[in-house]
């Protein structure tokens, strides 16, 4: 197998996603009087762009430590991110079709600032979840590498425990958001079409929330897999480091303990 096969595949997916993010950012940048709902998206896009750059820097050995499931889910999340940005660019073009020279017409400003607030908020939340999942992948990849060291320090194990807690909290928060999205999707489908809103706009808004539902579900699966992966790696590290004994002294007598995560037994003090 080509030693760069996994890395090359990830870069091959991440690069188009980053390009699409740059295009959407450029579209938003052209709207000089954009309402805050759109301006905030630029910050979300920049954070996801940074996460994609970090993802592309994950090495081949690190990907292999993460395993096939995480690799597959990471690719899927990256592709989903590109598709979300593509859809939003298309929608943005429809919303600003009456505007010129980067200045929103009153009609388009009303469309973006009021009618499409829910759509924009949904897109923002999607971007935040893409950032969360991708940065979590990078963080766990780094920890996996640290756990492969001959001597796993207490500091590294503390970092592992911290990341375990953070990912568990992220899963809980994702569950809460998923429940909220599920609750609003039904009423959104039943809501009447707003004034100046086309059927295409309405269908697009419903589709956006439905996509958010999918993104949250996929994000949760990836977070669960990362949690399971780092827990297993940490358990193996603790097992390997369960008892570290070094003899010392002029006659090789005595015992010195470096780091111990297990019980210590069979100790005899005194000279042989």
Protein backbone atom coordinates (compact mmCIF):
# COMPACT_ATOMS: atom_id res chain seq x y z
CA UNK A 1 0.00 0.00 0.00
CA UNK A 2 1.22 3.49 -0.79
CA UNK A 3 2.51 4.94 2.52
CA UNK A 4 0.69 8.18 1.75
CA UNK A 5 -2.60 6.56 0.71
CA UNK A 6 -4.73 7.55 3.71
CA UNK A 7 -3.21 11.02 4.05
CA UNK A 8 -3.52 11.64 0.32
CA UNK A 9 -7.16 10.54 0.37
CA UNK A 10 -8.00 12.86 3.25
CA UNK A 11 -6.18 15.78 1.63
CA UNK A 12 -7.97 15.01 -1.63
CA UNK A 13 -11.30 15.48 0.17
CA UNK A 14 -10.32 18.30 2.53
CA UNK A 15 -8.82 20.54 -0.16
CA UNK A 16 -12.08 20.92 -2.17
CA UNK A 17 -13.98 21.52 1.09
CA UNK A 18 -11.53 24.27 2.04
CA UNK A 19 -11.86 25.77 -1.46
CA UNK A 20 -15.65 25.86 -1.13
CA UNK A 21 -15.31 27.54 2.27
CA UNK A 22 -13.09 30.21 0.71
CA UNK A 23 -15.64 30.81 -2.04
CA UNK A 24 -18.49 31.19 0.44
CA UNK A 25 -16.38 33.45 2.63
CA UNK A 26 -15.62 35.58 -0.42
CA UNK A 27 -19.33 35.83 -1.27
CA UNK A 28 -20.11 37.00 2.26
CA UNK A 29 -17.18 39.39 2.21
CA UNK A 30 -18.64 41.12 -0.85
CA UNK A 31 -21.79 42.02 1.06
CA UNK A 32 -20.49 45.23 2.63
CA UNK A 33 -23.60 45.90 4.72
CA UNK A 34 -24.32 42.30 5.70
CA UNK A 35 -26.52 41.82 8.77
CA UNK A 36 -24.90 40.23 11.82
CA UNK A 37 -26.57 36.91 11.02
CA UNK A 38 -24.35 36.66 7.94
CA UNK A 39 -21.30 38.38 9.40
CA UNK A 40 -21.09 35.77 12.16
CA UNK A 41 -20.94 33.01 9.55
CA UNK A 42 -17.59 34.36 8.37
CA UNK A 43 -16.10 33.63 11.78
CA UNK A 44 -17.54 30.11 11.70
CA UNK A 45 -16.11 29.54 8.23
CA UNK A 46 -12.64 30.64 9.31
CA UNK A 47 -12.70 28.26 12.28
CA UNK A 48 -13.70 25.32 10.06
CA UNK A 49 -11.00 26.27 7.56
CA UNK A 50 -8.42 26.09 10.35
CA UNK A 51 -9.81 22.71 11.44
CA UNK A 52 -9.49 21.38 7.88
CA UNK A 53 -5.88 22.58 7.72
CA UNK A 54 -5.12 20.72 10.96
CA UNK A 55 -6.86 17.61 9.64
CA UNK A 56 -4.64 17.60 6.56
CA UNK A 57 -1.58 17.71 8.83
CA UNK A 58 -2.47 14.41 10.56
CA UNK A 59 0.22 11.89 9.63
CA UNK A 60 -0.24 8.45 8.10
CA UNK A 61 0.76 6.59 11.30
CA UNK A 62 -1.70 8.70 13.29
CA UNK A 63 -4.55 7.85 10.90
CA UNK A 64 -3.76 4.17 11.24
CA UNK A 65 -3.91 4.45 15.03
CA UNK A 66 -7.34 6.06 14.77
CA UNK A 67 -8.67 3.13 12.75
CA UNK A 68 -10.81 2.59 9.67
CA UNK A 69 -14.09 3.71 11.24
CA UNK A 70 -12.76 7.11 12.31
CA UNK A 71 -11.05 7.55 8.93
CA UNK A 72 -14.29 6.81 7.09
CA UNK A 73 -16.38 9.07 9.34
CA UNK A 74 -13.84 11.88 9.07
CA UNK A 75 -14.00 11.70 5.27
CA UNK A 76 -17.81 11.70 5.39
CA UNK A 77 -17.85 14.75 7.69
CA UNK A 78 -15.49 16.62 5.36
CA UNK A 79 -17.58 15.82 2.30
CA UNK A 80 -20.74 16.85 4.16
CA UNK A 81 -19.09 20.16 5.09
CA UNK A 82 -18.38 20.91 1.41
CA UNK A 83 -21.92 20.01 0.41
CA UNK A 84 -23.40 22.25 3.12
CA UNK A 85 -21.30 25.20 1.96
CA UNK A 86 -22.28 24.56 -1.66
CA UNK A 87 -25.98 24.57 -0.75
CA UNK A 88 -25.64 27.72 1.29
CA UNK A 89 -23.84 29.53 -1.55
CA UNK A 90 -26.70 28.65 -3.86
CA UNK A 91 -29.28 29.87 -1.34
CA UNK A 92 -27.33 33.05 -0.70
CA UNK A 93 -27.36 33.78 -4.41
CA UNK A 94 -31.15 33.54 -4.44
CA UNK A 95 -31.57 35.73 -1.37
CA UNK A 96 -29.39 38.54 -2.78
CA UNK A 97 -30.60 38.42 -6.38
CA UNK A 98 -32.14 41.91 -6.11
CA UNK A 99 -28.96 43.52 -4.76
CA UNK A 100 -26.08 45.16 -6.57
CA UNK A 101 -22.53 46.33 -5.82
CA UNK A 102 -22.38 44.43 -2.55
CA UNK A 103 -25.23 46.38 -0.98
CA UNK A 104 -28.35 44.52 0.04
CA UNK A 105 -31.63 45.89 -1.28
CA UNK A 106 -34.35 46.47 1.29
CA UNK A 107 -36.17 43.42 -0.01
CA UNK A 108 -33.13 41.17 0.22
CA UNK A 109 -32.18 42.56 3.62
CA UNK A 110 -35.62 41.62 4.93
CA UNK A 111 -35.24 38.17 3.40
CA UNK A 112 -31.85 37.52 5.00
CA UNK A 113 -32.35 39.43 8.23
CA UNK A 114 -35.73 38.05 9.22
CA UNK A 115 -37.18 35.30 7.05
CA UNK A 116 -33.91 33.35 6.75
CA UNK A 117 -32.65 33.74 10.31
CA UNK A 118 -33.48 30.11 11.06
CA UNK A 119 -31.67 28.94 7.92
CA UNK A 120 -28.56 30.96 8.74
CA UNK A 121 -28.61 29.82 12.38
CA UNK A 122 -28.84 26.21 11.23
CA UNK A 123 -25.86 26.70 8.92
CA UNK A 124 -23.88 28.30 11.73
CA UNK A 125 -24.57 25.36 14.01
CA UNK A 126 -23.54 22.93 11.29
CA UNK A 127 -20.24 24.73 10.84
CA UNK A 128 -19.63 24.67 14.59
CA UNK A 129 -20.20 20.91 14.64
CA UNK A 130 -17.87 20.37 11.70
CA UNK A 131 -15.23 22.29 13.63
CA UNK A 132 -15.92 20.28 16.79
CA UNK A 133 -15.68 16.90 15.12
CA UNK A 134 -12.64 17.68 12.98
CA UNK A 135 -10.65 19.26 15.81
CA UNK A 136 -11.57 16.31 18.03
CA UNK A 137 -10.15 13.93 15.41
CA UNK A 138 -6.89 15.91 15.30
CA UNK A 139 -6.67 16.09 19.11
CA UNK A 140 -7.24 12.35 19.58
CA UNK A 141 -4.75 11.55 16.81
CA UNK A 142 -2.12 13.54 18.71
CA UNK A 143 -2.95 11.78 21.98
CA UNK A 144 -2.73 8.39 20.28
CA UNK A 145 0.80 9.24 19.23
CA UNK A 146 1.69 10.27 22.77
CA UNK A 147 0.33 7.00 24.14
CA UNK A 148 2.69 5.07 21.87
CA UNK A 149 5.68 6.47 23.73
CA UNK A 150 7.82 4.04 25.70
CA UNK A 151 7.12 5.96 28.88
CA UNK A 152 3.62 7.39 29.24
CA UNK A 153 3.81 10.17 31.80
CA UNK A 154 1.22 11.17 34.34
CA UNK A 155 0.80 14.44 32.44
CA UNK A 156 -0.18 12.56 29.28
CA UNK A 157 -2.64 10.39 31.18
CA UNK A 158 -4.16 13.53 32.70
CA UNK A 159 -4.60 14.95 29.21
CA UNK A 160 -6.29 11.74 28.14
CA UNK A 161 -8.74 11.95 31.04
CA UNK A 162 -9.46 15.58 30.19
CA UNK A 163 -10.15 14.77 26.53
CA UNK A 164 -12.38 11.86 27.54
CA UNK A 165 -14.44 14.22 29.68
CA UNK A 166 -14.58 16.87 26.95
CA UNK A 167 -15.77 14.42 24.31
CA UNK A 168 -18.36 12.98 26.70
CA UNK A 169 -19.63 16.53 27.32
CA UNK A 170 -19.73 17.14 23.56
CA UNK A 171 -21.84 14.02 23.09
CA UNK A 172 -24.27 15.21 25.76
CA UNK A 173 -24.51 18.66 24.14
CA UNK A 174 -25.03 17.07 20.73
CA UNK A 175 -27.88 14.97 22.09
CA UNK A 176 -29.53 18.13 23.42
CA UNK A 177 -29.18 19.94 20.10
CA UNK A 178 -30.43 16.92 18.21
CA UNK A 179 -33.57 16.89 20.36
CA UNK A 180 -34.11 20.60 19.65
CA UNK A 181 -33.71 20.11 15.90
CA UNK A 182 -36.10 17.15 15.93
CA UNK A 183 -38.64 19.28 17.78
CA UNK A 184 -38.51 22.19 15.30
CA UNK A 185 -38.42 20.18 12.08
CA UNK A 186 -42.09 19.11 12.30
CA UNK A 187 -43.53 22.61 12.91
CA UNK A 188 -41.27 24.01 10.19
CA UNK A 189 -42.75 21.59 7.66
CA UNK A 190 -46.28 22.63 8.72
CA UNK A 191 -45.60 26.39 8.76
CA UNK A 192 -47.16 28.65 6.15
CA UNK A 193 -45.03 30.15 3.42
CA UNK A 194 -43.78 33.62 4.35
CA UNK A 195 -44.48 36.69 2.24
CA UNK A 196 -41.82 37.18 -0.47
CA UNK A 197 -40.65 33.61 0.17
CA UNK A 198 -40.69 31.33 -2.87
CA UNK A 199 -41.54 27.65 -2.67
CA UNK A 200 -37.91 26.94 -3.50
CA UNK A 201 -36.79 29.06 -0.54
CA UNK A 202 -39.22 27.28 1.78
CA UNK A 203 -38.16 23.82 0.62
CA UNK A 204 -34.53 24.86 0.97
CA UNK A 205 -35.08 26.05 4.56
CA UNK A 206 -36.73 22.75 5.50
CA UNK A 207 -33.94 20.83 3.80
CA UNK A 208 -31.33 22.85 5.71
CA UNK A 209 -32.77 21.82 9.09
CA UNK A 210 -33.08 18.23 7.91
CA UNK A 211 -29.40 18.31 6.93
CA UNK A 212 -28.55 19.74 10.36
CA UNK A 213 -30.33 16.75 11.88
CA UNK A 214 -28.15 14.41 9.80
CA UNK A 215 -24.96 16.33 10.62
CA UNK A 216 -25.68 16.13 14.35
CA UNK A 217 -26.33 12.41 14.13
CA UNK A 218 -23.14 11.75 12.18
CA UNK A 219 -21.17 14.03 14.50
CA UNK A 220 -22.39 12.04 17.48
CA UNK A 221 -21.30 8.75 15.90
CA UNK A 222 -17.83 10.11 15.23
CA UNK A 223 -17.50 11.50 18.76
CA UNK A 224 -18.56 8.14 20.20
CA UNK A 225 -15.99 6.35 18.08
CA UNK A 226 -13.26 8.78 19.14
CA UNK A 227 -14.20 8.32 22.80
CA UNK A 228 -14.10 4.55 22.45
CA UNK A 229 -10.79 4.73 20.60
CA UNK A 230 -8.98 6.86 23.17
CA UNK A 231 -10.44 4.89 26.08
CA UNK A 232 -9.10 1.65 24.60
CA UNK A 233 -5.68 3.19 23.93
CA UNK A 234 -5.53 4.64 27.43
CA UNK A 235 -6.50 1.29 28.97
CA UNK A 236 -3.67 -0.42 27.11
CA UNK A 237 -1.23 2.27 28.22
CA UNK A 238 -2.30 1.87 31.84
CA UNK A 239 -1.89 -1.88 31.56
CA UNK A 240 1.61 -1.55 30.13
CA UNK A 241 2.52 0.94 32.86
CA UNK A 242 0.80 -0.97 35.65
CA UNK A 243 4.07 -1.72 37.37
CA UNK A 244 7.38 -0.02 36.68
CA UNK A 245 10.22 -1.32 38.84
CA UNK A 246 13.85 -0.24 38.64
CA UNK A 247 16.56 -1.81 40.79
CA UNK A 248 19.24 0.49 42.08
CA UNK A 249 22.03 0.62 44.60
CA UNK A 250 25.61 -0.56 44.75
CA UNK A 251 24.51 -4.20 44.94
CA UNK A 252 21.46 -3.72 42.75
CA UNK A 253 19.28 -3.76 45.83
CA UNK A 254 16.07 -1.92 46.56
CA UNK A 255 13.29 -0.63 44.33
CA UNK A 256 12.45 2.61 42.58
CA UNK A 257 9.01 3.31 41.20
CA UNK A 258 8.53 5.77 38.38
CA UNK A 259 4.84 5.84 37.47
CA UNK A 260 2.45 3.14 38.65
CA UNK A 261 -1.25 2.82 37.71
CA UNK A 262 -1.66 -0.63 39.24
CA UNK A 263 -1.30 -2.41 42.54
CA UNK A 264 2.22 -3.15 43.81
CA UNK A 265 2.79 -6.51 45.48
CA UNK A 266 5.58 -8.93 46.31
CA UNK A 267 7.86 -6.29 47.87
CA UNK A 268 10.57 -7.33 50.31
CA UNK A 269 12.73 -4.73 52.03
CA UNK A 270 16.17 -5.37 53.39
CA UNK A 271 19.30 -7.02 52.04
CA UNK A 272 19.24 -10.26 50.11
